[in-house]
Structure formats: structure tokens, C-alpha cells
């Protein structure tokens, strides 16, 4: 920002000094000694006008630089406010942070169990079928599965069927924590089939 201000000021200053030098060099030294008072006065007025123009140009450049600086600062403040709002602790979450941690651990265990039981059908591998199946299901206390369905298919029936079977065959689903007795957890998980 300072480099731009300095650059603008240097350009304006050089231009104005050039004008002043040009104006003074057009008259020889002899003419300047013989000048009439009114001509001296008119030169002084011209110099004053040039100085005023220079000052007004410098002021405009400074105003533009200040406006740009204010815009940059306001953008940075907005970003800081947005980040601080996102990271600000929610009082309800702080109170339940232990329970939220337990819930997150439970959901991770369910996810790990599903991924451990996932089977890539041999026919799909031979046909080089790949895709992602988004499965939706609900878990209620203690470890009951219900409402199992495909939320978004992979485009290959064999992969969709394998993903459904993976969820339906979950016999060893971890037991829900006691504080979740009254809740029904709605879970959506992508099951990815890809050839490595």
C-alpha cells in the first residue's frame, strides 16, 4: 500500500517539477532581468496554480489510497468476525460437550464396523464397476437398525445391493450410550467401491 502511495507521489512530483523546469528554461537569464513587474506577478500566479494543482492531485491520490486501505481493513474485519462466529463456543454445546464426544465416538464405531464388513462383489470387480452408494438408516437404543434405504445409488445395481446387504447384516452393531436412550440416530454414510 505504501509503495503505491510513494509511486503516485513520485510520478506527480516529477511531472510538476518538469513543468516548472520547462517554464523557467524557456526564458533566458537576460529576459528575466528585464521583465516587467506584471510579468513577474503572472509567473508567480502560474507557479501558485501549479503548486495548487500538485497539492490537489496529491490529496486525491492519498484519498484513493486511504479508501482502498479502508476497504481492505473492512474485508479483513469481516473475515475475522466470520471466523470468530464459527469458532465461538455455543453455550449449549459446552454443557453437552462430553455427551457430544461420546456420540461422535459411537458414530465412528458404527462407521468403522460398516466399513470393516463391506464386501466388494467379485463380479463387480471383474466388470470393473466402481461407484459410491449413499446409505441411510436409523439406530435406536440399544442397537436396533431400522429404515434402511439407498439415499443415492452408484448407478450399478450390484454395488447398491452389496451396500444394502452390508447394513442389513450388521449383527455386531455397538450398543448406544445410555444418554441416547430416547434418541433415534439418523445416519447417512457413503460406501465407496473403487478398484485400486
C-alpha atoms as a PDB file:
ATOM      1  CA  UNK A   1       0.000   0.000   0.000  1.00  0.00           C
ATOM      2  CA  UNK A   2       2.851   2.401   0.886  1.00  0.00           C
ATOM      3  CA  UNK A   3       4.667   1.516  -2.306  1.00  0.00           C
ATOM      4  CA  UNK A   4       1.644   2.596  -4.349  1.00  0.00           C
ATOM      5  CA  UNK A   5       1.348   5.888  -2.439  1.00  0.00           C
ATOM      6  CA  UNK A   6       5.034   6.565  -2.888  1.00  0.00           C
ATOM      7  CA  UNK A   7       4.822   5.727  -6.590  1.00  0.00           C
ATOM      8  CA  UNK A   8       1.876   8.060  -7.195  1.00  0.00           C
ATOM      9  CA  UNK A   9       3.528  10.866  -5.258  1.00  0.00           C
ATOM     10  CA  UNK A  10       6.827  10.411  -7.112  1.00  0.00           C
ATOM     11  CA  UNK A  11       5.114  10.474 -10.517  1.00  0.00           C
ATOM     12  CA  UNK A  12       3.105  13.592  -9.714  1.00  0.00           C
ATOM     13  CA  UNK A  13       6.123  15.335  -8.192  1.00  0.00           C
ATOM     14  CA  UNK A  14       8.346  14.515 -11.179  1.00  0.00           C
ATOM     15  CA  UNK A  15       5.720  15.775 -13.627  1.00  0.00           C
ATOM     16  CA  UNK A  16       5.210  19.029 -11.787  1.00  0.00           C
ATOM     17  CA  UNK A  17       8.925  19.637 -11.386  1.00  0.00           C
ATOM     18  CA  UNK A  18       9.339  19.011 -15.107  1.00  0.00           C
ATOM     19  CA  UNK A  19       6.667  21.628 -15.833  1.00  0.00           C
ATOM     20  CA  UNK A  20       8.368  24.111 -13.546  1.00  0.00           C
ATOM     21  CA  UNK A  21      11.773  23.491 -15.135  1.00  0.00           C
ATOM     22  CA  UNK A  22      10.323  23.788 -18.625  1.00  0.00           C
ATOM     23  CA  UNK A  23       8.615  27.054 -17.781  1.00  0.00           C
ATOM     24  CA  UNK A  24      11.742  28.547 -16.260  1.00  0.00           C
ATOM     25  CA  UNK A  25      14.084  27.321 -19.014  1.00  0.00           C
ATOM     26  CA  UNK A  26      12.089  28.962 -21.819  1.00  0.00           C
ATOM     27  CA  UNK A  27      13.135  32.363 -20.674  1.00  0.00           C
ATOM     28  CA  UNK A  28      16.737  33.309 -20.847  1.00  0.00           C
ATOM     29  CA  UNK A  29      18.553  34.956 -17.987  1.00  0.00           C
ATOM     30  CA  UNK A  30      18.634  38.258 -19.806  1.00  0.00           C
ATOM     31  CA  UNK A  31      14.876  38.304 -20.264  1.00  0.00           C
ATOM     32  CA  UNK A  32      14.294  37.541 -16.614  1.00  0.00           C
ATOM     33  CA  UNK A  33      16.330  40.591 -15.587  1.00  0.00           C
ATOM     34  CA  UNK A  34      14.368  42.874 -17.910  1.00  0.00           C
ATOM     35  CA  UNK A  35      10.914  41.518 -17.050  1.00  0.00           C
ATOM     36  CA  UNK A  36       8.219  43.910 -16.164  1.00  0.00           C
ATOM     37  CA  UNK A  37       6.652  43.668 -12.703  1.00  0.00           C
ATOM     38  CA  UNK A  38       3.332  42.392 -14.117  1.00  0.00           C
ATOM     39  CA  UNK A  39       5.132  39.530 -15.910  1.00  0.00           C
ATOM     40  CA  UNK A  40       6.859  38.570 -12.659  1.00  0.00           C
ATOM     41  CA  UNK A  41       3.498  38.705 -10.967  1.00  0.00           C
ATOM     42  CA  UNK A  42       1.899  36.499 -13.649  1.00  0.00           C
ATOM     43  CA  UNK A  43       4.734  33.955 -13.277  1.00  0.00           C
ATOM     44  CA  UNK A  44       4.190  33.859  -9.545  1.00  0.00           C
ATOM     45  CA  UNK A  45       0.479  33.278 -10.116  1.00  0.00           C
ATOM     46  CA  UNK A  46       1.257  30.447 -12.554  1.00  0.00           C
ATOM     47  CA  UNK A  47       3.647  28.859 -10.049  1.00  0.00           C
ATOM     48  CA  UNK A  48       0.990  29.134  -7.338  1.00  0.00           C
ATOM     49  CA  UNK A  49      -1.549  27.494  -9.674  1.00  0.00           C
ATOM     50  CA  UNK A  50       0.883  24.657 -10.444  1.00  0.00           C
ATOM     51  CA  UNK A  51       1.539  24.161  -6.720  1.00  0.00           C
ATOM     52  CA  UNK A  52      -2.221  24.115  -6.046  1.00  0.00           C
ATOM     53  CA  UNK A  53      -2.743  21.555  -8.825  1.00  0.00           C
ATOM     54  CA  UNK A  54       0.100  19.466  -7.432  1.00  0.00           C
ATOM     55  CA  UNK A  55      -1.356  19.624  -3.913  1.00  0.00           C
ATOM     56  CA  UNK A  56      -4.866  18.721  -5.118  1.00  0.00           C
ATOM     57  CA  UNK A  57      -3.533  15.765  -7.157  1.00  0.00           C
ATOM     58  CA  UNK A  58      -1.532  14.523  -4.190  1.00  0.00           C
ATOM     59  CA  UNK A  59      -4.607  14.879  -1.978  1.00  0.00           C
ATOM     60  CA  UNK A  60      -6.744  12.892  -4.462  1.00  0.00           C
ATOM     61  CA  UNK A  61      -4.130  10.137  -4.631  1.00  0.00           C
ATOM     62  CA  UNK A  62      -3.966   9.995  -0.835  1.00  0.00           C
ATOM     63  CA  UNK A  63      -7.780   9.830  -0.615  1.00  0.00           C
ATOM     64  CA  UNK A  64      -7.867   6.931  -3.076  1.00  0.00           C
ATOM     65  CA  UNK A  65      -5.147   5.098  -1.162  1.00  0.00           C
ATOM     66  CA  UNK A  66      -6.969   5.676   2.129  1.00  0.00           C
ATOM     67  CA  UNK A  67     -10.261   4.396   0.635  1.00  0.00           C
ATOM     68  CA  UNK A  68      -8.554   1.240  -0.656  1.00  0.00           C
ATOM     69  CA  UNK A  69      -6.901   0.716   2.714  1.00  0.00           C
ATOM     70  CA  UNK A  70     -10.252   1.080   4.482  1.00  0.00           C
ATOM     71  CA  UNK A  71     -11.828  -1.475   2.128  1.00  0.00           C
ATOM     72  CA  UNK A  72      -9.021  -3.956   2.792  1.00  0.00           C
ATOM     73  CA  UNK A  73      -9.292  -3.433   6.547  1.00  0.00           C
ATOM     74  CA  UNK A  74     -13.100  -3.833   6.491  1.00  0.00           C
ATOM     75  CA  UNK A  75     -12.778  -7.071   4.470  1.00  0.00           C
ATOM     76  CA  UNK A  76     -10.256  -8.400   6.972  1.00  0.00           C
ATOM     77  CA  UNK A  77     -12.571  -7.467   9.845  1.00  0.00           C
ATOM     78  CA  UNK A  78     -15.462  -9.314   8.173  1.00  0.00           C
ATOM     79  CA  UNK A  79     -13.311 -12.410   7.749  1.00  0.00           C
ATOM     80  CA  UNK A  80     -12.208 -12.206  11.377  1.00  0.00           C
ATOM     81  CA  UNK A  81     -15.832 -11.802  12.508  1.00  0.00           C
ATOM     82  CA  UNK A  82     -16.940 -14.770  10.412  1.00  0.00           C
ATOM     83  CA  UNK A  83     -14.171 -16.963  11.797  1.00  0.00           C
ATOM     84  CA  UNK A  84     -14.820 -15.854  15.324  1.00  0.00           C
ATOM     85  CA  UNK A  85     -18.545 -16.624  14.972  1.00  0.00           C
ATOM     86  CA  UNK A  86     -17.789 -20.078  13.613  1.00  0.00           C
ATOM     87  CA  UNK A  87     -15.314 -20.842  16.374  1.00  0.00           C
ATOM     88  CA  UNK A  88     -17.274 -19.222  19.171  1.00  0.00           C
ATOM     89  CA  UNK A  89     -18.396 -21.814  21.683  1.00  0.00           C
ATOM     90  CA  UNK A  90     -22.114 -22.414  21.804  1.00  0.00           C
ATOM     91  CA  UNK A  91     -23.191 -22.441  25.474  1.00  0.00           C
ATOM     92  CA  UNK A  92     -25.429 -25.487  24.894  1.00  0.00           C
ATOM     93  CA  UNK A  93     -22.589 -27.385  23.234  1.00  0.00           C
ATOM     94  CA  UNK A  94     -20.182 -26.557  26.051  1.00  0.00           C
ATOM     95  CA  UNK A  95     -22.584 -28.036  28.589  1.00  0.00           C
ATOM     96  CA  UNK A  96     -23.091 -31.173  26.477  1.00  0.00           C
ATOM     97  CA  UNK A  97     -19.548 -31.412  25.127  1.00  0.00           C
ATOM     98  CA  UNK A  98     -18.903 -34.680  26.977  1.00  0.00           C
ATOM     99  CA  UNK A  99     -22.066 -36.208  25.562  1.00  0.00           C
ATOM    100  CA  UNK A 100     -21.289 -34.902  22.083  1.00  0.00           C
ATOM    101  CA  UNK A 101     -17.864 -36.511  22.294  1.00  0.00           C
ATOM    102  CA  UNK A 102     -19.424 -39.825  23.317  1.00  0.00           C
ATOM    103  CA  UNK A 103     -21.945 -39.556  20.497  1.00  0.00           C
ATOM    104  CA  UNK A 104     -19.177 -38.826  17.975  1.00  0.00           C
ATOM    105  CA  UNK A 105     -17.208 -41.823  19.241  1.00  0.00           C
ATOM    106  CA  UNK A 106     -20.270 -44.042  18.907  1.00  0.00           C
ATOM    107  CA  UNK A 107     -20.951 -42.882  15.332  1.00  0.00           C
ATOM    108  CA  UNK A 108     -17.294 -43.515  14.458  1.00  0.00           C
ATOM    109  CA  UNK A 109     -17.540 -47.050  15.846  1.00  0.00           C
ATOM    110  CA  UNK A 110     -20.675 -47.667  13.726  1.00  0.00           C
ATOM    111  CA  UNK A 111     -18.912 -46.323  10.639  1.00  0.00           C
ATOM    112  CA  UNK A 112     -15.819 -48.437  11.285  1.00  0.00           C
ATOM    113  CA  UNK A 113     -17.987 -51.546  11.741  1.00  0.00           C
ATOM    114  CA  UNK A 114     -19.752 -50.895   8.424  1.00  0.00           C
ATOM    115  CA  UNK A 115     -16.518 -50.310   6.530  1.00  0.00           C
ATOM    116  CA  UNK A 116     -14.968 -53.439   8.072  1.00  0.00           C
ATOM    117  CA  UNK A 117     -17.908 -55.553   6.843  1.00  0.00           C
ATOM    118  CA  UNK A 118     -18.098 -54.022   3.367  1.00  0.00           C
ATOM    119  CA  UNK A 119     -17.552 -56.563   0.602  1.00  0.00           C
ATOM    120  CA  UNK A 120     -16.716 -55.719  -2.992  1.00  0.00           C
ATOM    121  CA  UNK A 121     -18.630 -58.220  -5.171  1.00  0.00           C
ATOM    122  CA  UNK A 122     -16.276 -60.313  -7.327  1.00  0.00           C
ATOM    123  CA  UNK A 123     -18.465 -59.863 -10.407  1.00  0.00           C
ATOM    124  CA  UNK A 124     -18.357 -56.076  -9.979  1.00  0.00           C
ATOM    125  CA  UNK A 125     -14.564 -56.243  -9.726  1.00  0.00           C
ATOM    126  CA  UNK A 126     -14.309 -58.379 -12.852  1.00  0.00           C
ATOM    127  CA  UNK A 127     -16.574 -55.947 -14.733  1.00  0.00           C
ATOM    128  CA  UNK A 128     -14.603 -53.024 -13.249  1.00  0.00           C
ATOM    129  CA  UNK A 129     -17.711 -51.435 -11.754  1.00  0.00           C
ATOM    130  CA  UNK A 130     -16.983 -48.553  -9.384  1.00  0.00           C
ATOM    131  CA  UNK A 131     -19.101 -46.030  -7.513  1.00  0.00           C
ATOM    132  CA  UNK A 132     -20.338 -44.592  -4.244  1.00  0.00           C
ATOM    133  CA  UNK A 133     -23.581 -45.689  -2.595  1.00  0.00           C
ATOM    134  CA  UNK A 134     -25.131 -43.309  -0.056  1.00  0.00           C
ATOM    135  CA  UNK A 135     -26.995 -45.423   2.505  1.00  0.00           C
ATOM    136  CA  UNK A 136     -29.454 -44.067   5.064  1.00  0.00           C
ATOM    137  CA  UNK A 137     -30.550 -45.888   8.196  1.00  0.00           C
ATOM    138  CA  UNK A 138     -31.690 -45.239  11.745  1.00  0.00           C
ATOM    139  CA  UNK A 139     -30.380 -46.662  15.017  1.00  0.00           C
ATOM    140  CA  UNK A 140     -32.428 -46.747  18.218  1.00  0.00           C
ATOM    141  CA  UNK A 141     -31.499 -47.906  21.720  1.00  0.00           C
ATOM    142  CA  UNK A 142     -29.804 -50.271  22.424  1.00  0.00           C
ATOM    143  CA  UNK A 143     -28.669 -51.255  18.903  1.00  0.00           C
ATOM    144  CA  UNK A 144     -31.740 -51.636  16.694  1.00  0.00           C
ATOM    145  CA  UNK A 145     -31.494 -50.866  12.970  1.00  0.00           C
ATOM    146  CA  UNK A 146     -34.479 -49.588  11.006  1.00  0.00           C
ATOM    147  CA  UNK A 147     -35.496 -47.685   7.877  1.00  0.00           C
ATOM    148  CA  UNK A 148     -32.528 -48.911   5.812  1.00  0.00           C
ATOM    149  CA  UNK A 149     -32.556 -47.480   2.293  1.00  0.00           C
ATOM    150  CA  UNK A 150     -30.399 -46.184  -0.512  1.00  0.00           C
ATOM    151  CA  UNK A 151     -30.297 -42.416  -0.471  1.00  0.00           C
ATOM    152  CA  UNK A 152     -28.280 -42.164  -3.691  1.00  0.00           C
ATOM    153  CA  UNK A 153     -27.262 -45.098  -5.819  1.00  0.00           C
ATOM    154  CA  UNK A 154     -23.957 -45.726  -7.548  1.00  0.00           C
ATOM    155  CA  UNK A 155     -25.538 -46.395 -10.935  1.00  0.00           C
ATOM    156  CA  UNK A 156     -24.703 -50.117 -10.653  1.00  0.00           C
ATOM    157  CA  UNK A 157     -27.350 -52.408  -9.134  1.00  0.00           C
ATOM    158  CA  UNK A 158     -24.796 -54.932  -7.936  1.00  0.00           C
ATOM    159  CA  UNK A 159     -22.951 -52.287  -5.869  1.00  0.00           C
ATOM    160  CA  UNK A 160     -26.197 -50.850  -4.490  1.00  0.00           C
ATOM    161  CA  UNK A 161     -27.330 -54.341  -3.423  1.00  0.00           C
ATOM    162  CA  UNK A 162     -23.969 -55.063  -1.766  1.00  0.00           C
ATOM    163  CA  UNK A 163     -24.154 -51.820   0.230  1.00  0.00           C
ATOM    164  CA  UNK A 164     -27.699 -52.617   1.424  1.00  0.00           C
ATOM    165  CA  UNK A 165     -26.634 -56.109   2.449  1.00  0.00           C
ATOM    166  CA  UNK A 166     -23.680 -54.704   4.369  1.00  0.00           C
ATOM    167  CA  UNK A 167     -26.026 -52.631   6.546  1.00  0.00           C
ATOM    168  CA  UNK A 168     -28.693 -55.329   6.890  1.00  0.00           C
ATOM    169  CA  UNK A 169     -26.121 -57.909   8.006  1.00  0.00           C
ATOM    170  CA  UNK A 170     -24.776 -55.820  10.867  1.00  0.00           C
ATOM    171  CA  UNK A 171     -25.108 -58.235  13.797  1.00  0.00           C
ATOM    172  CA  UNK A 172     -22.398 -56.731  15.931  1.00  0.00           C
ATOM    173  CA  UNK A 173     -23.572 -53.140  15.973  1.00  0.00           C
ATOM    174  CA  UNK A 174     -22.145 -51.348  19.046  1.00  0.00           C
ATOM    175  CA  UNK A 175     -24.600 -50.564  21.826  1.00  0.00           C
ATOM    176  CA  UNK A 176     -25.714 -46.950  22.101  1.00  0.00           C
ATOM    177  CA  UNK A 177     -24.661 -44.897  25.147  1.00  0.00           C
ATOM    178  CA  UNK A 178     -27.318 -44.634  27.874  1.00  0.00           C
ATOM    179  CA  UNK A 179     -27.896 -40.900  27.445  1.00  0.00           C
ATOM    180  CA  UNK A 180     -29.132 -41.600  23.872  1.00  0.00           C
ATOM    181  CA  UNK A 181     -31.962 -43.921  25.042  1.00  0.00           C
ATOM    182  CA  UNK A 182     -34.676 -41.523  23.923  1.00  0.00           C
ATOM    183  CA  UNK A 183     -32.984 -40.601  20.631  1.00  0.00           C
ATOM    184  CA  UNK A 184     -33.165 -42.182  17.215  1.00  0.00           C
ATOM    185  CA  UNK A 185     -29.900 -41.586  15.378  1.00  0.00           C
ATOM    186  CA  UNK A 186     -30.385 -40.864  11.687  1.00  0.00           C
ATOM    187  CA  UNK A 187     -27.239 -41.887   9.863  1.00  0.00           C
ATOM    188  CA  UNK A 188     -26.235 -41.360   6.227  1.00  0.00           C
ATOM    189  CA  UNK A 189     -22.965 -42.911   5.148  1.00  0.00           C
ATOM    190  CA  UNK A 190     -21.276 -43.160   1.766  1.00  0.00           C
ATOM    191  CA  UNK A 191     -19.920 -46.608   0.942  1.00  0.00           C
ATOM    192  CA  UNK A 192     -17.247 -46.337  -1.718  1.00  0.00           C
ATOM    193  CA  UNK A 193     -16.400 -49.092  -4.152  1.00  0.00           C
ATOM    194  CA  UNK A 194     -13.249 -48.408  -6.133  1.00  0.00           C
ATOM    195  CA  UNK A 195     -10.606 -50.516  -7.778  1.00  0.00           C
ATOM    196  CA  UNK A 196      -7.106 -49.839  -6.583  1.00  0.00           C
END
